Amino acid sequence: MQLPKLNELGFFEIRLESIGGLGANLAGKMLAEAGVEGAGLNGVSFSSYGSEKKGSPVKAHIRFCNLDTPIRDTSPVERPHIVGIFQEALAKTVNVISGIYEDSTVLVNSRKTPAELKEQLKLLGGTIAVVDATGIALEEKNRVNMAMLGAMFRLCPFLDPQTMKEVIRKSLESKYPQMVAPAIATFERGYQEVTIETFALPEGMSMPAFTRADTPVLGYETQPIGGLVINPGNSILKDLSISRSGMMPHFNLDACIHCAQCDNVCPDNCFVWEEQPDKKGRLQMFLQGIDYQYCKGCLKCVHACPTDALSGEREEDGVAAANRVPHRFDFAMQ
């Protein structure tokens, strides 16, 4: 099978940008397996991530090459021919399109149009593919990675979708036989429902020159001072919004009995309370709302709420910002 394009080392490279819990690591492994077994290519897949937990950034790297080209490079994919973005909000904090070529393809899990994503990602040109992988996964009661894999196969004509279905079956049927049919249905919908649009570079403009600023090399002269926290993730500046995987809790004040069951199970102290007098004039704590900056969409609060004052809803652009009730951090001035 002929690869559509190769870099100077003879590789066709794919990078998956995701967060823990969406299955990008497994998707990369299955993608490489389908290329090796189904297309007769050399292939390799590996992932890079920090803390191994749901919601933290994850990258999966896949390389394909012809059989006469040995794979001796296991460094991260810096210049991808295809980028798969499993979580659209990652673009807030991660340069998800770093290193793309003029003719690279960017696949995004989103409900926006390719034109809207072109503006959001600040792409000058290239091909943008969009699939509502989260919506498909919710409807099929499966995972985002299967829908993204379906769309990825549409972008990789050298890969055989039928081979991928066999890989899915082989991977799941021994431990989770009930998940085989939903996974294949999710894969097929991702393949069919992806929207692809190509944008020409404006006349006189060219892609930014590639730099390795996003993958710094740390050595004895460049490593940070020991013990220095260079990312204020443990402060009031923490923003967990990129950790939400498509769902968020909605709060209905009229149904709330202020029992604090939600606060008891919330791992990130998202709920904002205020002391107010009750109907008898006694001071009590009343729930005011949710500080969505700290909410990662785990929905534990929804399951704990006894009155349905909290409900799990598909996240829409702007809803969290419009309904956020910020915490009041009062620091004593000495």
Protein backbone atom coordinates (compact mmCIF):
# COMPACT_ATOMS: atom_id res chain seq x y z
CA MET A 1 0.00 0.00 0.00
CA GLN A 2 1.38 3.39 -1.03
CA LEU A 3 1.59 6.09 1.64
CA PRO A 4 0.26 9.49 0.47
CA LYS A 5 3.25 11.53 1.67
CA LEU A 6 6.51 11.01 3.54
CA ASN A 7 8.93 13.21 5.45
CA GLU A 8 12.69 13.30 4.90
CA LEU A 9 13.14 10.12 6.98
CA GLY A 10 10.51 8.22 5.01
CA PHE A 11 7.74 8.39 7.63
CA PHE A 12 4.05 9.29 7.50
CA GLU A 13 3.36 10.68 10.98
CA ILE A 14 0.23 11.17 13.06
CA ARG A 15 -0.12 12.88 16.44
CA LEU A 16 -3.17 12.56 18.68
CA GLU A 17 -3.80 15.39 21.17
CA SER A 18 -6.09 14.36 24.00
CA ILE A 19 -6.77 14.18 27.72
CA GLY A 20 -6.65 11.12 29.94
CA GLY A 21 -9.86 9.13 29.83
CA LEU A 22 -10.76 9.60 26.15
CA GLY A 23 -8.75 6.60 24.94
CA ALA A 24 -6.13 8.25 22.72
CA ASN A 25 -3.41 5.85 23.87
CA LEU A 26 -5.49 2.80 22.87
CA ALA A 27 -6.57 4.52 19.64
CA GLY A 28 -2.94 5.03 18.66
CA LYS A 29 -2.09 1.38 19.32
CA MET A 30 -5.09 0.16 17.32
CA LEU A 31 -4.30 2.56 14.47
CA ALA A 32 -0.74 1.28 14.22
CA GLU A 33 -1.93 -2.34 14.40
CA ALA A 34 -4.37 -1.78 11.53
CA GLY A 35 -1.59 -0.26 9.41
CA VAL A 36 0.81 -3.13 10.08
CA GLU A 37 -1.66 -6.02 9.74
CA GLY A 38 -4.03 -4.58 7.15
CA ALA A 39 -1.85 -2.37 4.94
CA GLY A 40 1.43 -4.26 5.21
CA LEU A 41 3.35 -1.26 6.49
CA ASN A 42 5.95 -0.83 9.16
CA GLY A 43 4.40 1.01 12.08
CA VAL A 44 4.96 2.10 15.66
CA SER A 45 2.82 3.76 18.32
CA PHE A 46 3.66 5.19 21.74
CA SER A 47 2.28 7.84 24.06
CA SER A 48 3.59 10.65 26.23
CA TYR A 49 1.82 12.08 29.28
CA GLY A 50 2.44 13.48 32.71
CA SER A 51 0.36 12.29 35.65
CA GLU A 52 -1.58 9.19 34.62
CA LYS A 53 -5.07 10.37 35.50
CA LYS A 54 -8.32 11.34 33.87
CA GLY A 55 -8.29 14.86 32.45
CA SER A 56 -4.54 15.40 32.16
CA PRO A 57 -3.03 16.12 28.70
CA VAL A 58 -1.97 13.08 26.64
CA LYS A 59 -0.23 12.75 23.28
CA ALA A 60 -0.16 9.61 21.16
CA HIS A 61 2.41 9.32 18.37
CA ILE A 62 2.08 7.03 15.34
CA ARG A 63 4.57 6.48 12.51
CA PHE A 64 4.08 4.50 9.31
CA CYS A 65 6.64 3.70 6.63
CA ASN A 66 7.25 1.26 3.80
CA LEU A 67 8.69 -2.17 4.59
CA ASP A 68 12.11 -1.24 3.21
CA THR A 69 12.42 1.64 5.74
CA PRO A 70 13.49 0.62 9.27
CA ILE A 71 11.98 2.50 12.20
CA ARG A 72 14.78 3.65 14.45
CA ASP A 73 13.14 6.91 15.56
CA THR A 74 11.01 6.77 18.73
CA SER A 75 11.07 10.49 19.46
CA PRO A 76 7.74 12.38 19.73
CA VAL A 77 6.06 13.37 16.47
CA GLU A 78 6.89 17.05 16.03
CA ARG A 79 5.82 17.53 12.40
CA PRO A 80 2.59 15.56 11.89
CA HIS A 81 0.88 14.96 8.57
CA ILE A 82 -2.35 14.45 10.53
CA VAL A 83 -3.27 15.84 13.97
CA GLY A 84 -6.25 14.35 15.81
CA ILE A 85 -7.60 16.66 18.55
CA PHE A 86 -9.81 14.62 20.91
CA GLN A 87 -10.64 17.58 23.17
CA GLU A 88 -11.29 20.92 21.49
CA ALA A 89 -10.66 22.92 24.69
CA LEU A 90 -7.03 21.69 24.79
CA ALA A 91 -6.21 24.53 22.41
CA LYS A 92 -6.59 26.94 25.36
CA THR A 93 -3.38 25.72 26.97
CA VAL A 94 -1.61 23.43 24.45
CA ASN A 95 -0.37 24.32 20.97
CA VAL A 96 -2.22 21.40 19.42
CA ILE A 97 -1.29 22.30 15.83
CA SER A 98 2.42 22.72 16.52
CA GLY A 99 4.63 21.68 13.62
CA ILE A 100 1.96 21.05 10.96
CA TYR A 101 2.83 21.36 7.27
CA GLU A 102 0.98 23.46 4.73
CA ASP A 103 -0.81 20.31 3.53
CA SER A 104 -1.37 18.70 6.95
CA THR A 105 -4.87 17.68 8.04
CA VAL A 106 -6.28 18.67 11.43
CA LEU A 107 -9.10 16.47 12.75
CA VAL A 108 -11.14 17.97 15.61
CA ASN A 109 -13.79 16.50 17.89
CA SER A 110 -16.27 19.37 17.70
CA ARG A 111 -19.71 20.51 16.63
CA LYS A 112 -18.33 23.65 15.00
CA THR A 113 -17.86 24.08 11.26
CA PRO A 114 -14.40 23.77 9.69
CA ALA A 115 -14.45 27.53 9.01
CA GLU A 116 -15.15 28.31 12.68
CA LEU A 117 -12.34 26.01 13.79
CA LYS A 118 -9.95 27.59 11.31
CA GLU A 119 -10.46 30.91 13.12
CA GLN A 120 -10.36 29.36 16.59
CA LEU A 121 -7.10 27.48 15.94
CA LYS A 122 -5.62 30.43 14.01
CA LEU A 123 -4.84 28.26 11.00
CA LEU A 124 -3.68 30.10 7.91
CA GLY A 125 -4.61 27.26 5.60
CA GLY A 126 -4.73 23.51 5.21
CA THR A 127 -7.36 20.82 5.61
CA ILE A 128 -9.70 20.73 8.60
CA ALA A 129 -11.84 17.68 9.35
CA VAL A 130 -14.60 17.80 11.97
CA VAL A 131 -16.56 15.02 13.64
CA ASP A 132 -18.86 15.21 16.67
CA ALA A 133 -17.13 12.27 18.33
CA THR A 134 -18.51 13.10 21.78
CA GLY A 135 -22.10 13.23 20.50
CA ILE A 136 -21.69 9.96 18.61
CA ALA A 137 -20.14 8.26 21.64
CA LEU A 138 -22.96 9.42 23.92
CA GLU A 139 -25.64 8.20 21.51
CA GLU A 140 -23.97 4.84 20.91
CA LYS A 141 -23.01 4.44 24.59
CA ASN A 142 -19.38 4.01 23.66
CA ARG A 143 -16.14 5.99 23.76
CA VAL A 144 -14.85 9.03 21.91
CA ASN A 145 -11.78 7.19 20.61
CA MET A 146 -13.83 4.84 18.39
CA ALA A 147 -15.53 7.76 16.62
CA MET A 148 -12.19 9.55 16.21
CA LEU A 149 -10.66 6.36 14.78
CA GLY A 150 -13.48 6.15 12.24
CA ALA A 151 -12.82 9.70 11.10
CA MET A 152 -9.06 9.02 11.04
CA PHE A 153 -9.56 6.10 8.67
CA ARG A 154 -11.47 8.40 6.33
CA LEU A 155 -8.40 10.65 6.27
CA CYS A 156 -5.99 7.73 5.72
CA PRO A 157 -7.05 6.01 2.46
CA PHE A 158 -4.16 3.55 2.79
CA LEU A 159 -5.88 1.99 5.84
CA ASP A 160 -8.68 -0.58 5.46
CA PRO A 161 -11.74 0.07 7.68
CA GLN A 162 -12.62 -3.62 7.63
CA THR A 163 -9.24 -4.45 9.16
CA MET A 164 -9.94 -1.93 11.90
CA LYS A 165 -13.25 -3.60 12.73
CA GLU A 166 -11.42 -6.89 13.15
CA VAL A 167 -8.87 -5.18 15.41
CA ILE A 168 -11.73 -3.76 17.52
CA ARG A 169 -13.35 -7.17 17.72
CA LYS A 170 -10.09 -8.89 18.68
CA SER A 171 -9.29 -6.25 21.31
CA LEU A 172 -12.67 -6.31 23.05
CA GLU A 173 -14.47 -9.61 22.58
CA SER A 174 -12.53 -11.66 25.15
CA LYS A 175 -13.05 -9.27 28.11
CA TYR A 176 -15.93 -7.03 26.99
CA PRO A 177 -17.98 -8.93 24.37
CA GLN A 178 -21.01 -6.69 24.96
CA MET A 179 -18.96 -3.65 23.83
CA VAL A 180 -17.98 -4.99 20.40
CA ALA A 181 -21.17 -3.99 18.55
CA PRO A 182 -21.38 -0.44 20.05
CA ALA A 183 -17.66 0.13 19.35
CA ILE A 184 -18.01 -0.90 15.69
CA ALA A 185 -21.17 1.20 15.31
CA THR A 186 -19.34 4.21 16.79
CA PHE A 187 -16.38 3.62 14.45
CA GLU A 188 -18.67 3.42 11.40
CA ARG A 189 -20.48 6.62 12.33
CA GLY A 190 -17.18 8.45 12.79
CA TYR A 191 -16.12 7.28 9.34
CA GLN A 192 -19.39 8.41 7.71
CA GLU A 193 -20.08 11.64 9.59
CA VAL A 194 -16.74 13.44 9.35
CA THR A 195 -16.82 16.75 7.45
CA ILE A 196 -13.68 17.75 5.52
CA GLU A 197 -12.82 21.16 4.08
CA THR A 198 -9.57 22.50 2.61
CA PHE A 199 -8.54 26.15 2.88
CA ALA A 200 -5.94 27.65 0.58
CA LEU A 201 -3.22 29.82 2.08
CA PRO A 202 -3.90 33.52 1.44
CA GLU A 203 -1.84 34.88 -1.43
CA GLY A 204 1.60 36.01 -0.35
CA MET A 205 1.45 34.18 2.99
CA SER A 206 3.29 31.05 4.11
CA MET A 207 3.11 28.73 7.10
CA PRO A 208 5.09 29.84 10.16
CA ALA A 209 8.60 28.45 10.31
CA PHE A 210 8.81 25.35 12.49
CA THR A 211 10.55 25.79 15.84
CA ARG A 212 10.98 23.42 18.73
CA ALA A 213 9.72 25.95 21.27
CA ASP A 214 6.90 23.62 22.27
CA THR A 215 9.26 20.74 23.05
CA PRO A 216 12.07 22.35 25.05
CA VAL A 217 15.27 20.40 25.61
CA LEU A 218 16.15 20.42 29.30
CA GLY A 219 19.82 20.16 30.14
CA TYR A 220 22.22 21.39 32.77
CA GLU A 221 21.88 24.97 31.48
CA THR A 222 18.17 25.01 30.69
CA GLN A 223 16.43 22.94 33.36
CA PRO A 224 14.32 24.86 35.93
CA ILE A 225 15.62 25.42 39.44
CA GLY A 226 14.93 22.43 41.65
CA GLY A 227 11.68 22.69 43.59
CA LEU A 228 10.40 25.61 41.51
CA VAL A 229 6.72 25.38 40.52
CA ILE A 230 6.69 26.86 37.01
CA ASN A 231 3.04 25.97 36.34
CA PRO A 232 0.70 27.39 39.00
CA GLY A 233 -1.58 24.34 38.97
CA ASN A 234 -1.78 24.31 42.77
CA SER A 235 -2.98 27.88 43.15
CA ILE A 236 -6.19 29.85 42.69
CA LEU A 237 -5.15 30.28 39.05
CA LYS A 238 -5.81 26.59 38.38
CA ASP A 239 -8.12 26.00 35.41
CA LEU A 240 -9.56 22.50 35.01
CA SER A 241 -11.95 23.37 32.18
CA ILE A 242 -9.87 21.52 29.58
CA SER A 243 -10.37 18.34 31.61
CA ARG A 244 -14.09 18.20 30.85
CA SER A 245 -14.78 15.47 28.32
CA GLY A 246 -18.00 16.89 26.88
CA MET A 247 -20.30 16.89 29.92
CA MET A 248 -20.84 19.37 32.75
CA PRO A 249 -23.26 19.74 35.68
CA HIS A 250 -26.12 22.23 35.35
CA PHE A 251 -27.50 23.76 38.57
CA ASN A 252 -31.20 24.42 39.20
CA LEU A 253 -31.43 26.64 42.29
CA ASP A 254 -35.20 26.18 42.64
CA ALA A 255 -34.81 22.42 43.20
CA CYS A 256 -31.87 22.72 45.61
CA ILE A 257 -32.36 21.90 49.33
CA HIS A 258 -28.78 22.97 50.22
CA CYS A 259 -27.97 19.57 51.74
CA ALA A 260 -24.28 19.71 50.63
CA GLN A 261 -24.27 16.16 49.25
CA CYS A 262 -22.72 17.58 46.07
CA ASP A 263 -19.99 19.33 48.04
CA ASN A 264 -19.18 16.14 49.94
CA VAL A 265 -18.29 14.25 46.76
CA CYS A 266 -16.74 17.07 44.69
CA PRO A 267 -12.96 16.44 44.39
CA ASP A 268 -12.13 20.04 43.43
CA ASN A 269 -14.25 22.26 45.70
CA CYS A 270 -16.28 23.65 42.83
CA PHE A 271 -19.36 24.62 44.83
CA VAL A 272 -19.74 28.15 46.16
CA TRP A 273 -21.61 28.73 49.44
CA GLU A 274 -22.72 31.84 51.29
CA GLU A 275 -24.00 32.33 54.81
CA GLN A 276 -27.52 33.78 54.78
CA PRO A 277 -30.50 33.90 57.16
CA ASP A 278 -33.16 31.24 56.63
CA LYS A 279 -36.93 31.81 56.91
CA LYS A 280 -36.65 31.90 60.69
CA GLY A 281 -33.72 34.32 60.65
CA ARG A 282 -31.12 31.71 61.56
CA LEU A 283 -27.82 31.87 59.71
CA GLN A 284 -27.35 28.89 57.38
CA MET A 285 -25.09 28.06 54.46
CA PHE A 286 -26.83 28.29 51.08
CA LEU A 287 -25.45 27.03 47.77
CA GLN A 288 -24.96 29.87 45.28
CA GLY A 289 -23.70 27.97 42.27
CA ILE A 290 -20.68 26.32 40.64
CA ASP A 291 -17.26 27.77 39.91
CA TYR A 292 -16.78 26.07 36.54
CA GLN A 293 -13.10 27.07 36.38
CA TYR A 294 -12.42 24.22 38.80
CA CYS A 295 -14.97 21.74 37.42
CA LYS A 296 -13.56 18.84 35.39
CA GLY A 297 -16.95 17.33 34.54
CA CYS A 298 -16.70 14.15 36.61
CA LEU A 299 -20.46 14.44 37.42
CA LYS A 300 -20.09 12.84 40.87
CA CYS A 301 -22.25 15.67 42.17
CA VAL A 302 -25.06 14.76 39.77
CA HIS A 303 -25.18 11.19 41.09
CA ALA A 304 -25.12 12.40 44.71
CA CYS A 305 -27.87 15.04 44.41
CA PRO A 306 -31.12 13.77 46.00
CA THR A 307 -33.45 16.33 44.36
CA ASP A 308 -32.24 16.51 40.74
CA ALA A 309 -31.05 20.08 41.31
CA LEU A 310 -27.96 19.00 39.40
CA SER A 311 -28.10 17.38 35.97
CA GLY A 312 -25.39 16.22 33.58
CA GLU A 313 -25.66 18.07 30.27
CA ARG A 314 -23.61 18.27 27.10
CA GLU A 315 -21.29 21.25 27.36
CA GLU A 316 -22.05 24.14 25.04
CA ASP A 317 -19.66 26.98 24.20
CA GLY A 318 -20.02 29.89 26.59
CA VAL A 319 -22.38 28.18 29.07
CA ALA A 320 -19.72 27.64 31.75
CA ALA A 321 -18.46 31.22 31.50
CA ALA A 322 -21.99 32.68 31.56
CA ASN A 323 -23.09 30.62 34.60
CA ARG A 324 -19.87 30.56 36.61
CA VAL A 325 -20.17 31.71 40.22
CA PRO A 326 -16.57 32.58 41.22
CA HIS A 327 -15.17 31.66 44.60
CA ARG A 328 -14.41 34.59 46.86
CA PHE A 329 -10.82 34.34 47.98
CA ASP A 330 -10.31 36.79 50.83
CA PHE A 331 -6.71 37.22 51.91
CA ALA A 332 -5.93 39.06 55.11
CA MET A 333 -3.69 42.01 54.40
CA GLN A 334 -0.91 42.26 56.96
